[in-house]
PDB file of N, CA and C in Angstrom:
ATOM      1  N   MET A   1      10.820  10.759   2.697  1.00  0.00           N
ATOM      2  CA  MET A   1      11.216  10.107   1.461  1.00  0.00           C
ATOM      3  C   MET A   1      11.346   8.609   1.663  1.00  0.00           C
ATOM      4  N   PRO A   2      11.999   8.126   2.679  1.00  0.00           N
ATOM      5  CA  PRO A   2      12.138   6.655   2.843  1.00  0.00           C
ATOM      6  C   PRO A   2      10.798   5.931   2.934  1.00  0.00           C
ATOM      7  N   LYS A   3       9.785   6.593   3.563  1.00  0.00           N
ATOM      8  CA  LYS A   3       8.474   5.950   3.577  1.00  0.00           C
ATOM      9  C   LYS A   3       7.855   5.817   2.214  1.00  0.00           C
ATOM     10  N   ALA A   4       8.032   6.880   1.369  1.00  0.00           N
ATOM     11  CA  ALA A   4       7.510   6.815   0.050  1.00  0.00           C
ATOM     12  C   ALA A   4       8.204   5.707  -0.780  1.00  0.00           C
ATOM     13  N   LEU A   5       9.469   5.584  -0.628  1.00  0.00           N
ATOM     14  CA  LEU A   5      10.232   4.536  -1.319  1.00  0.00           C
ATOM     15  C   LEU A   5       9.781   3.161  -0.863  1.00  0.00           C
ATOM     16  N   ASN A   6       9.544   3.032   0.422  1.00  0.00           N
ATOM     17  CA  ASN A   6       9.103   1.769   1.002  1.00  0.00           C
ATOM     18  C   ASN A   6       7.727   1.394   0.410  1.00  0.00           C
ATOM     19  N   ASN A   7       6.840   2.361   0.376  1.00  0.00           N
ATOM     20  CA  ASN A   7       5.520   2.053  -0.249  1.00  0.00           C
ATOM     21  C   ASN A   7       5.616   1.747  -1.728  1.00  0.00           C
ATOM     22  N   PHE A   8       6.525   2.383  -2.423  1.00  0.00           N
ATOM     23  CA  PHE A   8       6.722   2.066  -3.837  1.00  0.00           C
ATOM     24  C   PHE A   8       7.281   0.665  -4.020  1.00  0.00           C
ATOM     25  N   MET A   9       8.191   0.262  -3.188  1.00  0.00           N
ATOM     26  CA  MET A   9       8.747  -1.110  -3.265  1.00  0.00           C
ATOM     27  C   MET A   9       7.681  -2.184  -2.947  1.00  0.00           C
ATOM     28  N   LYS A  10       6.835  -1.840  -1.960  1.00  0.00           N
ATOM     29  CA  LYS A  10       5.704  -2.790  -1.684  1.00  0.00           C
ATOM     30  C   LYS A  10       4.770  -2.967  -2.839  1.00  0.00           C
ATOM     31  N   GLY A  11       4.434  -1.837  -3.515  1.00  0.00           N
ATOM     32  CA  GLY A  11       3.584  -1.829  -4.658  1.00  0.00           C
ATOM     33  C   GLY A  11       4.227  -2.578  -5.832  1.00  0.00           C
ATOM     34  N   ALA A  12       5.526  -2.345  -6.041  1.00  0.00           N
ATOM     35  CA  ALA A  12       6.175  -3.048  -7.144  1.00  0.00           C
ATOM     36  C   ALA A  12       6.247  -4.519  -6.875  1.00  0.00           C
ATOM     37  N   GLY A  13       6.484  -4.898  -5.629  1.00  0.00           N
ATOM     38  CA  GLY A  13       6.562  -6.323  -5.241  1.00  0.00           C
ATOM     39  C   GLY A  13       5.181  -6.982  -5.449  1.00  0.00           C
ATOM     40  N   MET A  14       4.124  -6.313  -5.013  1.00  0.00           N
ATOM     41  CA  MET A  14       2.779  -6.872  -5.186  1.00  0.00           C
ATOM     42  C   MET A  14       2.456  -7.036  -6.670  1.00  0.00           C
ATOM     43  N   GLY A  15       2.843  -6.010  -7.490  1.00  0.00           N
ATOM     44  CA  GLY A  15       2.578  -6.123  -8.949  1.00  0.00           C
ATOM     45  C   GLY A  15       3.361  -7.280  -9.575  1.00  0.00           C
ATOM     46  N   ALA A  16       4.598  -7.537  -9.141  1.00  0.00           N
ATOM     47  CA  ALA A  16       5.312  -8.615  -9.670  1.00  0.00           C
ATOM     48  C   ALA A  16       4.721  -9.953  -9.292  1.00  0.00           C
ATOM     49  N   VAL A  17       4.277 -10.112  -8.048  1.00  0.00           N
ATOM     50  CA  VAL A  17       3.658 -11.362  -7.622  1.00  0.00           C
ATOM     51  C   VAL A  17       2.336 -11.601  -8.362  1.00  0.00           C
ATOM     52  N   ILE A  18       1.519 -10.548  -8.545  1.00  0.00           N
ATOM     53  CA  ILE A  18       0.286 -10.704  -9.260  1.00  0.00           C
ATOM     54  C   ILE A  18       0.522 -11.078 -10.722  1.00  0.00           C
ATOM     55  N   GLY A  19       1.542 -10.404 -11.335  1.00  0.00           N
ATOM     56  CA  GLY A  19       1.893 -10.726 -12.680  1.00  0.00           C
ATOM     57  C   GLY A  19       2.372 -12.159 -12.859  1.00  0.00           C
ATOM     58  N   MET A  20       3.178 -12.649 -11.967  1.00  0.00           N
ATOM     59  CA  MET A  20       3.597 -14.035 -12.039  1.00  0.00           C
ATOM     60  C   MET A  20       2.440 -15.046 -11.894  1.00  0.00           C
ATOM     61  N   ALA A  21       1.496 -14.722 -10.996  1.00  0.00           N
ATOM     62  CA  ALA A  21       0.319 -15.556 -10.821  1.00  0.00           C
ATOM     63  C   ALA A  21      -0.515 -15.632 -12.084  1.00  0.00           C
ATOM     64  N   ILE A  22      -0.742 -14.501 -12.711  1.00  0.00           N
ATOM     65  CA  ILE A  22      -1.526 -14.435 -13.891  1.00  0.00           C
ATOM     66  C   ILE A  22      -0.839 -15.136 -15.032  1.00  0.00           C
ATOM     67  N   GLY A  23       0.526 -14.959 -15.096  1.00  0.00           N
ATOM     68  CA  GLY A  23       1.279 -15.634 -16.155  1.00  0.00           C
ATOM     69  C   GLY A  23       1.271 -17.147 -15.997  1.00  0.00           C
ATOM     70  N   ALA A  24       1.284 -17.641 -14.703  1.00  0.00           N
ATOM     71  CA  ALA A  24       1.241 -19.049 -14.480  1.00  0.00           C
ATOM     72  C   ALA A  24      -0.095 -19.631 -14.884  1.00  0.00           C
ATOM     73  N   ALA A  25      -1.172 -18.939 -14.521  1.00  0.00           N
ATOM     74  CA  ALA A  25      -2.529 -19.388 -14.847  1.00  0.00           C
ATOM     75  C   ALA A  25      -2.694 -19.382 -16.396  1.00  0.00           C
ATOM     76  N   GLY A  26      -2.225 -18.347 -17.038  1.00  0.00           N
ATOM     77  CA  GLY A  26      -2.334 -18.250 -18.480  1.00  0.00           C
ATOM     78  C   GLY A  26      -1.585 -19.360 -19.155  1.00  0.00           C
ATOM     79  N   SER A  27      -0.428 -19.661 -18.654  1.00  0.00           N
ATOM     80  CA  SER A  27       0.393 -20.724 -19.238  1.00  0.00           C
ATOM     81  C   SER A  27      -0.299 -22.139 -19.081  1.00  0.00           C
ATOM     82  N   MET A  28      -0.891 -22.338 -17.923  1.00  0.00           N
ATOM     83  CA  MET A  28      -1.596 -23.625 -17.763  1.00  0.00           C
ATOM     84  C   MET A  28      -2.777 -23.649 -18.688  1.00  0.00           C
ATOM     85  N   TYR A  29      -3.488 -22.560 -18.857  1.00  0.00           N
ATOM     86  CA  TYR A  29      -4.633 -22.544 -19.755  1.00  0.00           C
ATOM     87  C   TYR A  29      -4.195 -22.821 -21.176  1.00  0.00           C
ATOM     88  N   MET A  30      -3.129 -22.198 -21.605  1.00  0.00           N
ATOM     89  CA  MET A  30      -2.690 -22.371 -23.025  1.00  0.00           C
ATOM     90  C   MET A  30      -2.287 -23.833 -23.245  1.00  0.00           C
ATOM     91  N   GLN A  31      -1.623 -24.461 -22.252  1.00  0.00           N
ATOM     92  CA  GLN A  31      -1.229 -25.874 -22.477  1.00  0.00           C
ATOM     93  C   GLN A  31      -2.370 -26.788 -22.515  1.00  0.00           C
ATOM     94  N   ALA A  32      -3.486 -26.471 -21.776  1.00  0.00           N
ATOM     95  CA  ALA A  32      -4.645 -27.319 -21.691  1.00  0.00           C
ATOM     96  C   ALA A  32      -5.590 -27.149 -22.846  1.00  0.00           C
ATOM     97  N   ASN A  33      -5.518 -25.976 -23.518  1.00  0.00           N
ATOM     98  CA  ASN A  33      -6.579 -25.678 -24.470  1.00  0.00           C
ATOM     99  C   ASN A  33      -5.917 -25.087 -25.737  1.00  0.00           C
ATOM    100  N   LYS A  34      -5.007 -25.856 -26.324  1.00  0.00           N
ATOM    101  CA  LYS A  34      -4.240 -25.349 -27.486  1.00  0.00           C
ATOM    102  C   LYS A  34      -5.158 -25.117 -28.725  1.00  0.00           C
ATOM    103  N   LYS A  35      -6.048 -26.066 -29.006  1.00  0.00           N
ATOM    104  CA  LYS A  35      -6.856 -25.973 -30.242  1.00  0.00           C
ATOM    105  C   LYS A  35      -7.782 -24.743 -30.128  1.00  0.00           C
ATOM    106  N   GLY A  36      -8.517 -24.596 -28.997  1.00  0.00           N
ATOM    107  CA  GLY A  36      -9.433 -23.490 -28.796  1.00  0.00           C
ATOM    108  C   GLY A  36      -8.665 -22.184 -28.731  1.00  0.00           C
ATOM    109  N   LEU A  37      -7.458 -22.140 -28.218  1.00  0.00           N
ATOM    110  CA  LEU A  37      -6.690 -20.934 -28.112  1.00  0.00           C
ATOM    111  C   LEU A  37      -6.307 -20.498 -29.553  1.00  0.00           C
ATOM    112  N   LYS A  38      -5.834 -21.459 -30.363  1.00  0.00           N
ATOM    113  CA  LYS A  38      -5.400 -21.102 -31.697  1.00  0.00           C
ATOM    114  C   LYS A  38      -6.614 -20.472 -32.493  1.00  0.00           C
ATOM    115  N   LYS A  39      -7.765 -21.057 -32.285  1.00  0.00           N
ATOM    116  CA  LYS A  39      -8.970 -20.605 -33.005  1.00  0.00           C
ATOM    117  C   LYS A  39      -9.331 -19.159 -32.521  1.00  0.00           C
ATOM    118  N   SER A  40      -9.267 -18.967 -31.233  1.00  0.00           N
ATOM    119  CA  SER A  40      -9.523 -17.662 -30.686  1.00  0.00           C
ATOM    120  C   SER A  40      -8.550 -16.594 -31.113  1.00  0.00           C
ATOM    121  N   VAL A  41      -7.284 -16.946 -31.129  1.00  0.00           N
ATOM    122  CA  VAL A  41      -6.244 -16.030 -31.614  1.00  0.00           C
ATOM    123  C   VAL A  41      -6.454 -15.692 -33.077  1.00  0.00           C
ATOM    124  N   GLY A  42      -6.783 -16.718 -33.863  1.00  0.00           N
ATOM    125  CA  GLY A  42      -6.981 -16.489 -35.302  1.00  0.00           C
ATOM    126  C   GLY A  42      -8.171 -15.531 -35.545  1.00  0.00           C
ATOM    127  N   LYS A  43      -9.267 -15.705 -34.727  1.00  0.00           N
ATOM    128  CA  LYS A  43     -10.384 -14.771 -34.921  1.00  0.00           C
ATOM    129  C   LYS A  43     -10.070 -13.387 -34.486  1.00  0.00           C
ATOM    130  N   ALA A  44      -9.300 -13.276 -33.393  1.00  0.00           N
ATOM    131  CA  ALA A  44      -8.840 -11.898 -32.937  1.00  0.00           C
ATOM    132  C   ALA A  44      -7.983 -11.230 -33.916  1.00  0.00           C
ATOM    133  N   LEU A  45      -7.016 -12.024 -34.543  1.00  0.00           N
ATOM    134  CA  LEU A  45      -6.182 -11.352 -35.562  1.00  0.00           C
ATOM    135  C   LEU A  45      -6.982 -10.921 -36.798  1.00  0.00           C
ATOM    136  N   LYS A  46      -7.950 -11.722 -37.156  1.00  0.00           N
ATOM    137  CA  LYS A  46      -8.791 -11.360 -38.323  1.00  0.00           C
ATOM    138  C   LYS A  46      -9.580 -10.082 -38.017  1.00  0.00           C
ATOM    139  N   ASN A  47     -10.105 -10.026 -36.792  1.00  0.00           N
ATOM    140  CA  ASN A  47     -10.874  -8.747 -36.404  1.00  0.00           C
ATOM    141  C   ASN A  47      -9.933  -7.524 -36.370  1.00  0.00           C
ATOM    142  N   VAL A  48      -8.748  -7.723 -35.866  1.00  0.00           N
ATOM    143  CA  VAL A  48      -7.803  -6.574 -35.860  1.00  0.00           C
ATOM    144  C   VAL A  48      -7.435  -6.144 -37.270  1.00  0.00           C
ATOM    145  N   SER A  49      -7.257  -7.157 -38.127  1.00  0.00           N
ATOM    146  CA  SER A  49      -6.983  -6.829 -39.508  1.00  0.00           C
ATOM    147  C   SER A  49      -8.115  -6.057 -40.187  1.00  0.00           C
ATOM    148  N   ASN A  50      -9.322  -6.462 -39.917  1.00  0.00           N
ATOM    149  CA  ASN A  50     -10.479  -5.735 -40.460  1.00  0.00           C
ATOM    150  C   ASN A  50     -10.607  -4.351 -39.913  1.00  0.00           C
ATOM    151  N   ILE A  51     -10.329  -4.174 -38.675  1.00  0.00           N
ATOM    152  CA  ILE A  51     -10.355  -2.853 -38.101  1.00  0.00           C
ATOM    153  C   ILE A  51      -9.284  -1.930 -38.734  1.00  0.00           C
ATOM    154  N   VAL A  52      -8.052  -2.464 -38.923  1.00  0.00           N
ATOM    155  CA  VAL A  52      -7.023  -1.685 -39.524  1.00  0.00           C
ATOM    156  C   VAL A  52      -7.365  -1.328 -40.974  1.00  0.00           C
ATOM    157  N   ASP A  53      -7.968  -2.297 -41.680  1.00  0.00           N
ATOM    158  CA  ASP A  53      -8.397  -2.001 -43.062  1.00  0.00           C
ATOM    159  C   ASP A  53      -9.505  -0.905 -43.127  1.00  0.00           C
ATOM    160  N   ASP A  54     -10.401  -0.941 -42.141  1.00  0.00           N
ATOM    161  CA  ASP A  54     -11.470   0.046 -42.117  1.00  0.00           C
ATOM    162  C   ASP A  54     -10.911   1.445 -41.762  1.00  0.00           C
ATOM    163  N   VAL A  55      -9.994   1.500 -40.813  1.00  0.00           N
ATOM    164  CA  VAL A  55      -9.389   2.767 -40.479  1.00  0.00           C
ATOM    165  C   VAL A  55      -8.575   3.330 -41.640  1.00  0.00           C
ATOM    166  N   SER A  56      -7.797   2.469 -42.320  1.00  0.00           N
ATOM    167  CA  SER A  56      -7.000   2.972 -43.416  1.00  0.00           C
ATOM    168  C   SER A  56      -7.938   3.385 -44.559  1.00  0.00           C
ATOM    169  N   ALA A  57      -9.102   2.817 -44.719  1.00  0.00           N
ATOM    170  CA  ALA A  57     -10.043   3.215 -45.766  1.00  0.00           C
ATOM    171  C   ALA A  57     -10.590   4.622 -45.513  1.00  0.00           C
ATOM    172  N   LEU A  58     -10.643   4.983 -44.264  1.00  0.00           N
ATOM    173  CA  LEU A  58     -11.139   6.343 -43.887  1.00  0.00           C
ATOM    174  C   LEU A  58     -10.180   7.436 -44.402  1.00  0.00           C
ATOM    175  N   PHE A  59      -8.893   7.126 -44.491  1.00  0.00           N
ATOM    176  CA  PHE A  59      -7.961   8.112 -44.900  1.00  0.00           C
ATOM    177  C   PHE A  59      -7.649   7.840 -46.352  1.00  0.00           C
TER     178      PHE A  59
END
């Protein structure tokens, strides 16, 4: 059991480090590219809205 717990803690630690690295990279990208990001998010939200409307039309 202690070995399994140790492996779990290693995995959780690696996941946290990877998550922080991705978060830092995403944060730098968002600060550098605000206009393009707003446009991309707007398009994505419009597409999601269209998908929801299509699915609700099926029912």
